[in-house]
N, C-alpha and C. Protein backbone atom coordinates (compact mmCIF):
# COMPACT_ATOMS: atom_id res chain seq x y z
N MET A 1 0.83 -1.19 0.00
CA MET A 1 0.00 0.00 0.00
C MET A 1 0.87 1.25 0.00
N THR A 2 0.45 2.27 -0.78
CA THR A 2 1.15 3.54 -0.81
C THR A 2 0.39 4.56 0.03
N GLU A 3 1.07 5.66 0.37
CA GLU A 3 0.40 6.72 1.12
C GLU A 3 -0.78 7.27 0.33
N LYS A 4 -0.64 7.35 -0.98
CA LYS A 4 -1.73 7.86 -1.80
C LYS A 4 -2.95 6.96 -1.69
N GLN A 5 -2.73 5.65 -1.74
CA GLN A 5 -3.85 4.73 -1.61
C GLN A 5 -4.50 4.84 -0.24
N ASP A 6 -3.68 5.02 0.80
CA ASP A 6 -4.23 5.22 2.14
C ASP A 6 -5.11 6.48 2.18
N GLU A 7 -4.64 7.54 1.54
CA GLU A 7 -5.41 8.79 1.53
C GLU A 7 -6.76 8.60 0.81
N ILE A 8 -6.76 7.83 -0.27
CA ILE A 8 -8.01 7.59 -0.98
C ILE A 8 -8.97 6.77 -0.12
N LEU A 9 -8.45 5.74 0.55
CA LEU A 9 -9.29 4.93 1.43
C LEU A 9 -9.84 5.79 2.57
N GLU A 10 -9.03 6.68 3.09
CA GLU A 10 -9.50 7.57 4.14
C GLU A 10 -10.64 8.46 3.63
N ALA A 11 -10.48 8.97 2.41
CA ALA A 11 -11.52 9.83 1.83
C ALA A 11 -12.82 9.06 1.59
N ILE A 12 -12.70 7.81 1.15
CA ILE A 12 -13.89 6.98 0.96
C ILE A 12 -14.60 6.79 2.30
N TRP A 13 -13.82 6.56 3.36
CA TRP A 13 -14.40 6.36 4.70
C TRP A 13 -15.15 7.61 5.16
N THR A 14 -14.46 8.77 5.11
CA THR A 14 -15.09 10.00 5.60
C THR A 14 -16.29 10.40 4.75
N SER A 15 -16.24 10.12 3.47
CA SER A 15 -17.39 10.40 2.61
C SER A 15 -18.55 9.48 2.94
N SER A 16 -18.25 8.21 3.21
CA SER A 16 -19.31 7.25 3.52
C SER A 16 -19.97 7.56 4.86
N GLU A 17 -19.26 8.25 5.76
CA GLU A 17 -19.88 8.64 7.03
C GLU A 17 -21.04 9.59 6.81
N ASN A 18 -21.03 10.27 5.67
CA ASN A 18 -22.13 11.15 5.29
C ASN A 18 -23.06 10.51 4.25
N ASN A 19 -22.90 9.17 4.12
CA ASN A 19 -23.70 8.40 3.15
C ASN A 19 -23.53 8.91 1.73
N ARG A 20 -22.31 9.27 1.38
CA ARG A 20 -22.00 9.73 0.04
C ARG A 20 -20.88 8.85 -0.51
N PHE A 21 -21.09 8.32 -1.69
CA PHE A 21 -20.19 7.28 -2.19
C PHE A 21 -19.69 7.56 -3.61
N THR A 22 -20.04 8.70 -4.19
CA THR A 22 -19.64 8.95 -5.57
C THR A 22 -18.20 9.44 -5.65
N MET A 23 -17.64 9.34 -6.84
CA MET A 23 -16.27 9.78 -7.08
C MET A 23 -16.12 11.26 -6.74
N ASP A 24 -17.07 12.09 -7.15
CA ASP A 24 -16.97 13.53 -6.90
C ASP A 24 -16.97 13.84 -5.41
N GLU A 25 -17.81 13.15 -4.65
CA GLU A 25 -17.87 13.40 -3.20
C GLU A 25 -16.59 12.94 -2.52
N ILE A 26 -16.04 11.83 -2.97
CA ILE A 26 -14.81 11.32 -2.38
C ILE A 26 -13.65 12.26 -2.68
N ARG A 27 -13.62 12.83 -3.88
CA ARG A 27 -12.56 13.79 -4.23
C ARG A 27 -12.58 15.00 -3.30
N LYS A 28 -13.77 15.43 -2.89
CA LYS A 28 -13.87 16.58 -1.99
C LYS A 28 -13.23 16.30 -0.64
N LYS A 29 -13.21 15.03 -0.25
CA LYS A 29 -12.68 14.65 1.05
C LYS A 29 -11.20 14.26 0.99
N CYS A 30 -10.68 14.11 -0.21
CA CYS A 30 -9.32 13.56 -0.35
C CYS A 30 -8.28 14.68 -0.44
N ASP A 31 -7.17 14.50 0.28
CA ASP A 31 -6.10 15.50 0.29
C ASP A 31 -5.16 15.37 -0.89
N VAL A 32 -5.30 14.31 -1.67
CA VAL A 32 -4.45 14.13 -2.86
C VAL A 32 -5.34 13.95 -4.08
N ALA A 33 -4.84 14.38 -5.22
CA ALA A 33 -5.59 14.18 -6.45
C ALA A 33 -5.48 12.73 -6.89
N PHE A 34 -6.56 12.17 -7.39
CA PHE A 34 -6.52 10.79 -7.87
C PHE A 34 -7.39 10.65 -9.11
N THR A 35 -7.16 9.58 -9.84
CA THR A 35 -7.85 9.34 -11.10
C THR A 35 -8.66 8.06 -11.02
N ARG A 36 -9.42 7.83 -12.08
CA ARG A 36 -10.18 6.59 -12.18
C ARG A 36 -9.25 5.38 -12.15
N GLU A 37 -8.05 5.55 -12.71
CA GLU A 37 -7.06 4.46 -12.71
C GLU A 37 -6.64 4.09 -11.29
N ASP A 38 -6.55 5.09 -10.41
CA ASP A 38 -6.20 4.80 -9.01
C ASP A 38 -7.28 3.96 -8.34
N ILE A 39 -8.52 4.26 -8.64
CA ILE A 39 -9.64 3.49 -8.09
C ILE A 39 -9.61 2.07 -8.65
N GLU A 40 -9.29 1.96 -9.92
CA GLU A 40 -9.22 0.63 -10.54
C GLU A 40 -8.12 -0.21 -9.90
N GLU A 41 -7.01 0.43 -9.53
CA GLU A 41 -5.93 -0.29 -8.85
C GLU A 41 -6.41 -0.82 -7.50
N LEU A 42 -7.13 0.01 -6.78
CA LEU A 42 -7.67 -0.43 -5.49
C LEU A 42 -8.66 -1.58 -5.68
N GLU A 43 -9.41 -1.51 -6.77
CA GLU A 43 -10.38 -2.58 -7.05
C GLU A 43 -9.65 -3.87 -7.40
N GLU A 44 -8.57 -3.76 -8.16
CA GLU A 44 -7.78 -4.95 -8.52
C GLU A 44 -7.15 -5.60 -7.29
N GLU A 45 -6.83 -4.78 -6.30
CA GLU A 45 -6.24 -5.30 -5.07
C GLU A 45 -7.29 -5.79 -4.08
N GLY A 46 -8.55 -5.72 -4.49
CA GLY A 46 -9.63 -6.25 -3.66
C GLY A 46 -10.00 -5.38 -2.48
N LEU A 47 -9.77 -4.07 -2.59
CA LEU A 47 -10.05 -3.16 -1.48
C LEU A 47 -11.35 -2.39 -1.66
N VAL A 48 -11.76 -2.16 -2.90
CA VAL A 48 -13.01 -1.45 -3.15
C VAL A 48 -13.81 -2.16 -4.23
N ILE A 49 -15.08 -1.81 -4.29
CA ILE A 49 -16.00 -2.34 -5.31
C ILE A 49 -16.72 -1.16 -5.92
N THR A 50 -16.75 -1.06 -7.23
CA THR A 50 -17.48 0.02 -7.89
C THR A 50 -18.81 -0.50 -8.41
N LYS A 51 -19.86 0.24 -8.10
CA LYS A 51 -21.21 -0.07 -8.58
C LYS A 51 -21.80 1.20 -9.15
N ALA A 52 -21.97 1.19 -10.49
CA ALA A 52 -22.40 2.41 -11.18
C ALA A 52 -21.39 3.51 -10.86
N ASP A 53 -21.83 4.61 -10.26
CA ASP A 53 -20.91 5.69 -9.94
C ASP A 53 -20.49 5.65 -8.47
N ASN A 54 -20.90 4.61 -7.76
CA ASN A 54 -20.58 4.51 -6.34
C ASN A 54 -19.32 3.68 -6.11
N ILE A 55 -18.54 4.09 -5.13
CA ILE A 55 -17.33 3.37 -4.75
C ILE A 55 -17.53 2.87 -3.32
N LEU A 56 -17.53 1.56 -3.15
CA LEU A 56 -17.80 0.94 -1.85
C LEU A 56 -16.60 0.11 -1.41
N PHE A 57 -16.51 -0.12 -0.12
CA PHE A 57 -15.45 -0.95 0.42
C PHE A 57 -15.75 -2.43 0.26
N SER A 58 -14.72 -3.20 0.00
CA SER A 58 -14.79 -4.64 0.21
C SER A 58 -14.53 -4.86 1.70
N PRO A 59 -14.79 -6.04 2.25
CA PRO A 59 -14.48 -6.27 3.67
C PRO A 59 -13.03 -5.97 4.03
N ARG A 60 -12.10 -6.37 3.16
CA ARG A 60 -10.68 -6.12 3.43
C ARG A 60 -10.36 -4.64 3.35
N GLY A 61 -10.96 -3.96 2.39
CA GLY A 61 -10.73 -2.53 2.26
C GLY A 61 -11.30 -1.75 3.43
N GLU A 62 -12.46 -2.18 3.91
CA GLU A 62 -13.08 -1.51 5.06
C GLU A 62 -12.21 -1.67 6.31
N GLU A 63 -11.64 -2.86 6.49
CA GLU A 63 -10.77 -3.09 7.64
C GLU A 63 -9.52 -2.22 7.55
N ARG A 64 -8.96 -2.12 6.35
CA ARG A 64 -7.77 -1.28 6.15
C ARG A 64 -8.10 0.18 6.46
N ALA A 65 -9.21 0.66 5.91
CA ALA A 65 -9.59 2.06 6.11
C ALA A 65 -9.91 2.33 7.57
N LYS A 66 -10.54 1.37 8.25
CA LYS A 66 -10.87 1.54 9.67
C LYS A 66 -9.60 1.75 10.48
N ASN A 67 -8.56 0.98 10.19
CA ASN A 67 -7.30 1.11 10.92
C ASN A 67 -6.63 2.45 10.65
N ILE A 68 -6.72 2.92 9.39
CA ILE A 68 -6.16 4.23 9.05
C ILE A 68 -6.86 5.32 9.84
N MET A 69 -8.20 5.29 9.84
CA MET A 69 -8.97 6.31 10.54
C MET A 69 -8.74 6.24 12.05
N ARG A 70 -8.62 5.04 12.55
CA ARG A 70 -8.37 4.89 14.00
C ARG A 70 -7.05 5.56 14.38
N ARG A 71 -5.98 5.29 13.63
CA ARG A 71 -4.68 5.90 13.92
C ARG A 71 -4.75 7.42 13.80
N HIS A 72 -5.40 7.89 12.74
CA HIS A 72 -5.50 9.33 12.49
C HIS A 72 -6.22 10.04 13.63
N ARG A 73 -7.35 9.50 14.03
CA ARG A 73 -8.15 10.19 15.04
C ARG A 73 -7.59 10.03 16.44
N LEU A 74 -6.92 8.92 16.72
CA LEU A 74 -6.20 8.80 17.99
C LEU A 74 -5.09 9.84 18.06
N ALA A 75 -4.39 10.03 16.93
CA ALA A 75 -3.33 11.03 16.88
C ALA A 75 -3.89 12.43 17.11
N GLU A 76 -5.09 12.70 16.61
CA GLU A 76 -5.72 14.00 16.84
C GLU A 76 -6.00 14.23 18.32
N VAL A 77 -6.49 13.19 18.99
CA VAL A 77 -6.75 13.31 20.44
C VAL A 77 -5.44 13.54 21.19
N LEU A 78 -4.41 12.76 20.83
CA LEU A 78 -3.12 12.88 21.50
C LEU A 78 -2.53 14.27 21.32
N THR A 79 -2.52 14.76 20.09
CA THR A 79 -1.87 16.04 19.82
C THR A 79 -2.66 17.23 20.35
N SER A 80 -3.98 17.10 20.46
CA SER A 80 -4.78 18.22 20.96
C SER A 80 -4.86 18.24 22.47
N SER A 81 -5.05 17.06 23.09
CA SER A 81 -5.26 17.03 24.54
C SER A 81 -3.97 16.93 25.34
N ILE A 82 -2.95 16.28 24.81
CA ILE A 82 -1.70 16.09 25.54
C ILE A 82 -0.63 17.07 25.06
N LEU A 83 -0.42 17.13 23.74
CA LEU A 83 0.63 18.00 23.20
C LEU A 83 0.17 19.44 23.00
N LYS A 84 -1.15 19.66 23.06
CA LYS A 84 -1.72 21.01 22.97
C LYS A 84 -1.35 21.73 21.67
N LEU A 85 -1.35 20.99 20.57
CA LEU A 85 -1.05 21.62 19.29
C LEU A 85 -2.28 22.33 18.74
N LYS A 86 -2.03 23.34 17.91
CA LYS A 86 -3.13 24.02 17.24
C LYS A 86 -3.74 23.11 16.19
N ASN A 87 -4.94 23.45 15.73
CA ASN A 87 -5.67 22.57 14.81
C ASN A 87 -4.88 22.24 13.56
N SER A 88 -4.22 23.24 12.95
CA SER A 88 -3.48 22.99 11.72
C SER A 88 -2.29 22.07 11.97
N GLU A 89 -1.60 22.28 13.09
CA GLU A 89 -0.47 21.43 13.43
C GLU A 89 -0.93 20.03 13.81
N MET A 90 -2.07 19.96 14.53
CA MET A 90 -2.64 18.68 14.93
C MET A 90 -2.95 17.83 13.70
N GLU A 91 -3.56 18.43 12.70
CA GLU A 91 -3.94 17.70 11.50
C GLU A 91 -2.71 17.25 10.73
N LYS A 92 -1.68 18.09 10.69
CA LYS A 92 -0.46 17.74 9.98
C LYS A 92 0.20 16.53 10.61
N VAL A 93 0.30 16.52 11.94
CA VAL A 93 0.90 15.39 12.64
C VAL A 93 0.05 14.14 12.45
N ALA A 94 -1.26 14.28 12.58
CA ALA A 94 -2.16 13.12 12.45
C ALA A 94 -2.05 12.49 11.07
N CYS A 95 -1.89 13.30 10.04
CA CYS A 95 -1.77 12.77 8.67
C CYS A 95 -0.50 11.94 8.51
N GLN A 96 0.56 12.31 9.23
CA GLN A 96 1.78 11.52 9.17
C GLN A 96 1.66 10.25 9.99
N VAL A 97 1.07 10.38 11.18
CA VAL A 97 0.97 9.24 12.09
C VAL A 97 0.14 8.12 11.50
N GLU A 98 -0.90 8.45 10.76
CA GLU A 98 -1.81 7.42 10.25
C GLU A 98 -1.09 6.42 9.33
N HIS A 99 0.01 6.84 8.73
CA HIS A 99 0.74 5.96 7.81
C HIS A 99 1.78 5.10 8.51
N TYR A 100 2.30 5.56 9.65
CA TYR A 100 3.50 4.92 10.20
C TYR A 100 3.35 4.38 11.62
N LEU A 101 2.25 4.68 12.30
CA LEU A 101 2.13 4.25 13.69
C LEU A 101 2.08 2.74 13.80
N GLN A 102 3.00 2.19 14.60
CA GLN A 102 3.05 0.74 14.80
C GLN A 102 1.85 0.29 15.63
N PRO A 103 1.29 -0.91 15.35
CA PRO A 103 0.12 -1.38 16.10
C PRO A 103 0.33 -1.39 17.61
N GLU A 104 1.53 -1.81 18.06
CA GLU A 104 1.77 -1.87 19.50
C GLU A 104 1.77 -0.49 20.13
N VAL A 105 2.27 0.53 19.39
CA VAL A 105 2.27 1.89 19.90
C VAL A 105 0.84 2.44 19.91
N GLU A 106 0.07 2.10 18.89
CA GLU A 106 -1.34 2.50 18.82
C GLU A 106 -2.09 2.03 20.05
N ILE A 107 -1.88 0.78 20.45
CA ILE A 107 -2.55 0.22 21.62
C ILE A 107 -2.16 0.99 22.88
N SER A 108 -0.88 1.31 23.01
CA SER A 108 -0.41 2.04 24.19
C SER A 108 -1.03 3.44 24.24
N ILE A 109 -1.05 4.13 23.11
CA ILE A 109 -1.62 5.48 23.07
C ILE A 109 -3.10 5.44 23.43
N CYS A 110 -3.84 4.51 22.83
CA CYS A 110 -5.27 4.42 23.08
C CYS A 110 -5.54 4.12 24.56
N THR A 111 -4.76 3.22 25.15
CA THR A 111 -4.93 2.87 26.56
C THR A 111 -4.60 4.05 27.46
N LEU A 112 -3.50 4.75 27.15
CA LEU A 112 -3.11 5.91 27.96
C LEU A 112 -4.16 7.02 27.89
N LEU A 113 -4.83 7.13 26.74
CA LEU A 113 -5.86 8.17 26.58
C LEU A 113 -7.22 7.75 27.14
N GLY A 114 -7.31 6.50 27.63
CA GLY A 114 -8.57 6.03 28.19
C GLY A 114 -9.57 5.55 27.16
N HIS A 115 -9.08 5.07 26.01
CA HIS A 115 -9.93 4.53 24.94
C HIS A 115 -10.99 5.54 24.49
N PRO A 116 -10.54 6.70 23.96
CA PRO A 116 -11.51 7.73 23.53
C PRO A 116 -12.39 7.22 22.40
N GLN A 117 -13.64 7.66 22.43
CA GLN A 117 -14.60 7.24 21.40
C GLN A 117 -14.75 8.26 20.29
N PHE A 118 -14.33 9.51 20.56
CA PHE A 118 -14.49 10.57 19.57
C PHE A 118 -13.23 11.42 19.51
N CYS A 119 -12.94 11.92 18.31
CA CYS A 119 -11.80 12.83 18.13
C CYS A 119 -12.26 14.25 18.45
N PRO A 120 -11.36 15.25 18.45
CA PRO A 120 -11.72 16.61 18.86
C PRO A 120 -12.88 17.24 18.09
N ASP A 121 -13.09 16.86 16.84
CA ASP A 121 -14.21 17.45 16.09
C ASP A 121 -15.47 16.59 16.16
N GLY A 122 -15.50 15.62 17.08
CA GLY A 122 -16.71 14.86 17.33
C GLY A 122 -16.93 13.65 16.46
N LYS A 123 -15.96 13.30 15.62
CA LYS A 123 -16.12 12.12 14.76
C LYS A 123 -15.71 10.86 15.52
N ALA A 124 -16.39 9.76 15.21
CA ALA A 124 -16.17 8.52 15.95
C ALA A 124 -14.80 7.93 15.64
N ILE A 125 -14.15 7.41 16.69
CA ILE A 125 -12.89 6.69 16.54
C ILE A 125 -13.21 5.20 16.51
N PRO A 126 -12.91 4.51 15.42
CA PRO A 126 -13.18 3.06 15.39
C PRO A 126 -12.49 2.36 16.56
N PRO A 127 -13.19 1.52 17.30
CA PRO A 127 -12.57 0.85 18.45
C PRO A 127 -11.58 -0.22 18.01
N GLY A 128 -10.60 -0.48 18.86
CA GLY A 128 -9.62 -1.53 18.61
C GLY A 128 -9.76 -2.64 19.63
N ARG A 129 -8.87 -3.61 19.54
CA ARG A 129 -8.91 -4.74 20.47
C ARG A 129 -8.72 -4.28 21.91
N CYS A 130 -7.86 -3.28 22.11
CA CYS A 130 -7.61 -2.80 23.46
C CYS A 130 -8.86 -2.18 24.07
N CYS A 131 -9.71 -1.58 23.22
CA CYS A 131 -10.97 -0.99 23.70
C CYS A 131 -11.93 -2.09 24.13
N GLN A 132 -12.00 -3.14 23.33
CA GLN A 132 -12.89 -4.26 23.66
C GLN A 132 -12.46 -4.95 24.94
N GLU A 133 -11.16 -5.04 25.16
CA GLU A 133 -10.64 -5.69 26.37
C GLU A 133 -10.55 -4.73 27.55
N GLN A 134 -10.80 -3.43 27.28
CA GLN A 134 -10.75 -2.39 28.30
C GLN A 134 -9.43 -2.42 29.07
N LEU A 135 -8.33 -2.42 28.32
CA LEU A 135 -7.02 -2.39 28.96
C LEU A 135 -6.86 -1.09 29.73
N THR A 136 -6.29 -1.18 30.91
CA THR A 136 -6.12 0.00 31.76
C THR A 136 -4.67 0.28 32.10
N GLN A 137 -3.77 -0.61 31.72
CA GLN A 137 -2.37 -0.44 32.09
C GLN A 137 -1.48 -0.72 30.90
N VAL A 138 -0.46 0.10 30.75
CA VAL A 138 0.51 -0.08 29.68
C VAL A 138 1.82 -0.52 30.32
N ASP A 139 2.30 -1.69 29.93
CA ASP A 139 3.57 -2.16 30.44
C ASP A 139 4.71 -1.34 29.85
N ARG A 140 5.83 -1.31 30.57
CA ARG A 140 7.03 -0.68 30.01
C ARG A 140 7.45 -1.51 28.82
N ALA A 141 7.31 -0.96 27.65
CA ALA A 141 7.48 -1.75 26.44
C ALA A 141 8.85 -1.60 25.81
N VAL A 142 9.45 -0.41 25.89
CA VAL A 142 10.76 -0.19 25.27
C VAL A 142 11.84 -0.43 26.31
N VAL A 143 12.68 -1.41 26.06
CA VAL A 143 13.73 -1.81 27.01
C VAL A 143 15.04 -1.98 26.26
N SER A 144 16.11 -2.02 27.03
CA SER A 144 17.41 -2.32 26.45
C SER A 144 17.45 -3.79 26.05
N LEU A 145 18.21 -4.09 25.03
CA LEU A 145 18.35 -5.47 24.57
C LEU A 145 18.83 -6.38 25.69
N THR A 146 19.63 -5.83 26.59
CA THR A 146 20.16 -6.64 27.70
C THR A 146 19.09 -6.96 28.74
N ASP A 147 17.94 -6.27 28.68
CA ASP A 147 16.86 -6.53 29.63
C ASP A 147 15.99 -7.72 29.21
N LEU A 148 16.17 -8.18 27.97
CA LEU A 148 15.41 -9.34 27.51
C LEU A 148 15.98 -10.61 28.13
N ASP A 149 15.11 -11.61 28.27
CA ASP A 149 15.55 -12.93 28.69
C ASP A 149 15.81 -13.79 27.45
N PRO A 150 16.67 -14.78 27.54
CA PRO A 150 16.91 -15.65 26.38
C PRO A 150 15.58 -16.21 25.84
N GLY A 151 15.42 -16.09 24.52
CA GLY A 151 14.19 -16.54 23.88
C GLY A 151 13.20 -15.42 23.63
N GLN A 152 13.36 -14.27 24.30
CA GLN A 152 12.46 -13.14 24.08
C GLN A 152 12.90 -12.34 22.86
N SER A 153 11.90 -11.70 22.23
CA SER A 153 12.17 -10.92 21.02
C SER A 153 11.74 -9.48 21.21
N GLY A 154 12.30 -8.63 20.36
CA GLY A 154 11.92 -7.22 20.38
C GLY A 154 12.21 -6.58 19.04
N LYS A 155 11.47 -5.52 18.75
CA LYS A 155 11.67 -4.77 17.51
C LYS A 155 12.50 -3.53 17.83
N ILE A 156 13.61 -3.35 17.14
CA ILE A 156 14.50 -2.23 17.44
C ILE A 156 13.77 -0.91 17.21
N THR A 157 13.77 -0.05 18.23
CA THR A 157 13.15 1.27 18.11
C THR A 157 14.19 2.36 17.89
N TYR A 158 15.31 2.27 18.62
CA TYR A 158 16.39 3.22 18.38
C TYR A 158 17.69 2.66 18.96
N VAL A 159 18.79 3.23 18.51
CA VAL A 159 20.12 2.80 18.95
C VAL A 159 20.83 4.00 19.54
N LYS A 160 21.38 3.86 20.73
CA LYS A 160 22.13 4.92 21.39
C LYS A 160 23.57 4.43 21.57
N PRO A 161 24.36 4.52 20.53
CA PRO A 161 25.71 3.95 20.59
C PRO A 161 26.65 4.77 21.44
N GLY A 162 27.66 4.09 21.96
CA GLY A 162 28.68 4.79 22.73
C GLY A 162 29.61 5.60 21.85
N SER A 163 29.67 5.23 20.58
CA SER A 163 30.53 5.97 19.65
C SER A 163 29.96 5.84 18.25
N HIS A 164 30.37 6.75 17.37
CA HIS A 164 29.89 6.70 15.98
C HIS A 164 30.33 5.42 15.29
N SER A 165 31.51 4.92 15.66
CA SER A 165 31.98 3.69 15.02
C SER A 165 31.06 2.53 15.37
N ASN A 166 30.57 2.49 16.61
CA ASN A 166 29.62 1.44 16.99
C ASN A 166 28.35 1.54 16.17
N LEU A 167 27.87 2.78 15.99
CA LEU A 167 26.65 2.98 15.21
C LEU A 167 26.82 2.47 13.79
N HIS A 168 27.90 2.85 13.16
CA HIS A 168 28.14 2.41 11.77
C HIS A 168 28.29 0.90 11.69
N GLN A 169 28.90 0.32 12.71
CA GLN A 169 29.09 -1.12 12.73
C GLN A 169 27.74 -1.83 12.84
N LEU A 170 26.86 -1.34 13.70
CA LEU A 170 25.54 -1.94 13.87
C LEU A 170 24.72 -1.83 12.59
N ILE A 171 24.80 -0.66 11.95
CA ILE A 171 24.07 -0.46 10.70
C ILE A 171 24.59 -1.41 9.62
N SER A 172 25.91 -1.60 9.59
CA SER A 172 26.49 -2.50 8.58
C SER A 172 26.04 -3.93 8.79
N PHE A 173 25.74 -4.30 10.04
CA PHE A 173 25.23 -5.63 10.34
C PHE A 173 23.75 -5.77 9.99
N GLY A 174 23.08 -4.63 9.76
CA GLY A 174 21.65 -4.68 9.46
C GLY A 174 20.77 -4.44 10.67
N LEU A 175 21.36 -3.99 11.79
CA LEU A 175 20.60 -3.73 13.01
C LEU A 175 20.05 -2.31 12.98
N ASN A 176 18.99 -2.13 12.20
CA ASN A 176 18.36 -0.83 12.03
C ASN A 176 17.02 -0.80 12.76
N PRO A 177 16.50 0.39 13.08
CA PRO A 177 15.16 0.46 13.66
C PRO A 177 14.13 -0.27 12.79
N GLY A 178 13.28 -1.04 13.46
CA GLY A 178 12.27 -1.82 12.76
C GLY A 178 12.62 -3.29 12.61
N VAL A 179 13.90 -3.63 12.81
CA VAL A 179 14.34 -5.02 12.68
C VAL A 179 13.97 -5.79 13.95
N MET A 180 13.42 -6.99 13.77
CA MET A 180 13.07 -7.85 14.89
C MET A 180 14.27 -8.69 15.29
N VAL A 181 14.62 -8.65 16.58
CA VAL A 181 15.76 -9.43 17.07
C VAL A 181 15.30 -10.33 18.22
N THR A 182 15.95 -11.46 18.35
CA THR A 182 15.68 -12.39 19.44
C THR A 182 16.97 -12.61 20.22
N LEU A 183 16.88 -12.49 21.55
CA LEU A 183 18.05 -12.75 22.38
C LEU A 183 18.22 -14.26 22.50
N HIS A 184 19.29 -14.76 21.94
CA HIS A 184 19.53 -16.21 21.93
C HIS A 184 20.11 -16.68 23.26
N ARG A 185 21.14 -15.99 23.73
CA ARG A 185 21.72 -16.33 25.04
C ARG A 185 22.51 -15.13 25.56
N LYS A 186 22.76 -15.15 26.88
CA LYS A 186 23.53 -14.07 27.51
C LYS A 186 24.93 -14.52 27.93
N ARG A 187 25.07 -15.80 28.16
CA ARG A 187 26.35 -16.35 28.61
C ARG A 187 26.73 -17.56 27.76
N PRO A 188 28.00 -17.76 27.49
CA PRO A 188 29.16 -16.98 27.94
C PRO A 188 29.32 -15.66 27.21
N ALA A 189 28.66 -15.50 26.05
CA ALA A 189 28.67 -14.24 25.33
C ALA A 189 27.24 -13.91 24.91
N LEU A 190 26.92 -12.62 24.86
CA LEU A 190 25.59 -12.21 24.47
C LEU A 190 25.41 -12.45 22.97
N CYS A 191 24.40 -13.22 22.61
CA CYS A 191 24.20 -13.61 21.22
C CYS A 191 22.76 -13.32 20.81
N ILE A 192 22.58 -12.72 19.65
CA ILE A 192 21.25 -12.40 19.16
C ILE A 192 21.05 -13.03 17.78
N LYS A 193 19.77 -13.19 17.43
CA LYS A 193 19.39 -13.68 16.11
C LYS A 193 18.48 -12.66 15.45
N PHE A 194 18.68 -12.43 14.15
CA PHE A 194 17.81 -11.53 13.40
C PHE A 194 17.97 -11.82 11.91
N GLU A 195 16.86 -11.86 11.21
CA GLU A 195 16.86 -12.03 9.75
C GLU A 195 17.82 -13.14 9.30
N ASN A 196 17.67 -14.31 9.89
CA ASN A 196 18.49 -15.49 9.54
C ASN A 196 19.97 -15.30 9.84
N THR A 197 20.28 -14.35 10.73
CA THR A 197 21.67 -14.10 11.12
C THR A 197 21.82 -14.29 12.62
N GLU A 198 22.92 -14.91 13.03
CA GLU A 198 23.24 -15.04 14.44
C GLU A 198 24.51 -14.25 14.70
N LEU A 199 24.47 -13.39 15.74
CA LEU A 199 25.58 -12.46 15.95
C LEU A 199 25.89 -12.34 17.44
N ALA A 200 27.17 -12.45 17.79
CA ALA A 200 27.62 -12.20 19.16
C ALA A 200 28.08 -10.75 19.24
N ILE A 201 27.57 -10.02 20.23
CA ILE A 201 27.93 -8.61 20.35
C ILE A 201 28.34 -8.31 21.79
N ASP A 202 29.11 -7.25 21.94
CA ASP A 202 29.57 -6.82 23.25
C ASP A 202 28.37 -6.37 24.09
N GLU A 203 28.36 -6.72 25.37
CA GLU A 203 27.22 -6.39 26.24
C GLU A 203 27.04 -4.88 26.37
N GLU A 204 28.14 -4.14 26.34
CA GLU A 204 28.05 -2.68 26.44
C GLU A 204 27.34 -2.09 25.23
N ILE A 205 27.61 -2.65 24.06
CA ILE A 205 26.92 -2.20 22.85
C ILE A 205 25.45 -2.60 22.90
N ALA A 206 25.18 -3.85 23.33
CA ALA A 206 23.80 -4.33 23.41
C ALA A 206 22.96 -3.47 24.34
N ALA A 207 23.58 -2.92 25.39
CA ALA A 207 22.86 -2.09 26.35
C ALA A 207 22.35 -0.80 25.71
N ASN A 208 22.94 -0.42 24.58
CA ASN A 208 22.53 0.81 23.89
C ASN A 208 21.59 0.55 22.73
N ILE A 209 21.14 -0.69 22.58
CA ILE A 209 20.14 -1.03 21.58
C ILE A 209 18.81 -1.17 22.29
N PHE A 210 17.84 -0.33 21.96
CA PHE A 210 16.55 -0.35 22.63
C PHE A 210 15.49 -0.94 21.71
N VAL A 211 14.70 -1.84 22.27
CA VAL A 211 13.72 -2.58 21.48
C VAL A 211 12.35 -2.48 22.11
N TRP A 212 11.32 -2.63 21.25
CA TRP A 212 9.94 -2.75 21.72
C TRP A 212 9.72 -4.24 22.02
N LYS A 213 9.63 -4.56 23.31
CA LYS A 213 9.56 -5.95 23.73
C LYS A 213 8.26 -6.61 23.27
N MET A 214 8.40 -7.73 22.61
CA MET A 214 7.25 -8.48 22.13
C MET A 214 6.69 -9.35 23.26
N THR A 215 5.37 -9.30 23.42
CA THR A 215 4.69 -10.15 24.40
C THR A 215 3.52 -10.84 23.72
N GLU A 216 2.81 -11.66 24.45
CA GLU A 216 1.64 -12.32 23.88
C GLU A 216 0.59 -11.31 23.48
N LYS A 217 0.56 -10.15 24.18
CA LYS A 217 -0.45 -9.13 23.88
C LYS A 217 -0.14 -8.36 22.61
N ASN A 218 1.19 -8.20 22.27
CA ASN A 218 1.50 -7.37 21.10
C ASN A 218 2.28 -8.11 20.05
């Protein structure tokens, strides 16, 4: 999926909230220009269905659009109520967040905000699994690689190297943010596995690699 396709799905969703499904109405809601060919691509990917002049979601497309809108509107609540951004800045941040927010971070934000049902302009926020389970506590999720137990996994969020040479070395190994790593063992040497690679690294360097700890919940 591209950002443009996400924007079109978002426009279809917001237009359908007003029971309007035509191409012209969707264009009014969309922040990017799109053509009939763009709609046809979405249809080929099984995300939308066209009937006469109406553009409707397939079940898969509706689920995708729901997740986009959920991230966008949660970001609006976060930026307006916690970060106190102005409306224009709030919308700018929300438009970026909707494309890149990781599911585990989305759950934490929603839980911390108390599972809001509406965004600042009164539009409904699609509920997520955390809302249905009424989660009330967010575990400390970002930890140092050395805080994992053997067999536990985490997704790298950021690296705080002791020196630039360490940073370049880690990047050359492929240890970039977003990579999933598993702590294989701590003794006699700290060993990790990632992307079909097994690597022994210095414990001091490992302490500066921070990961989003994977649990049964996330």
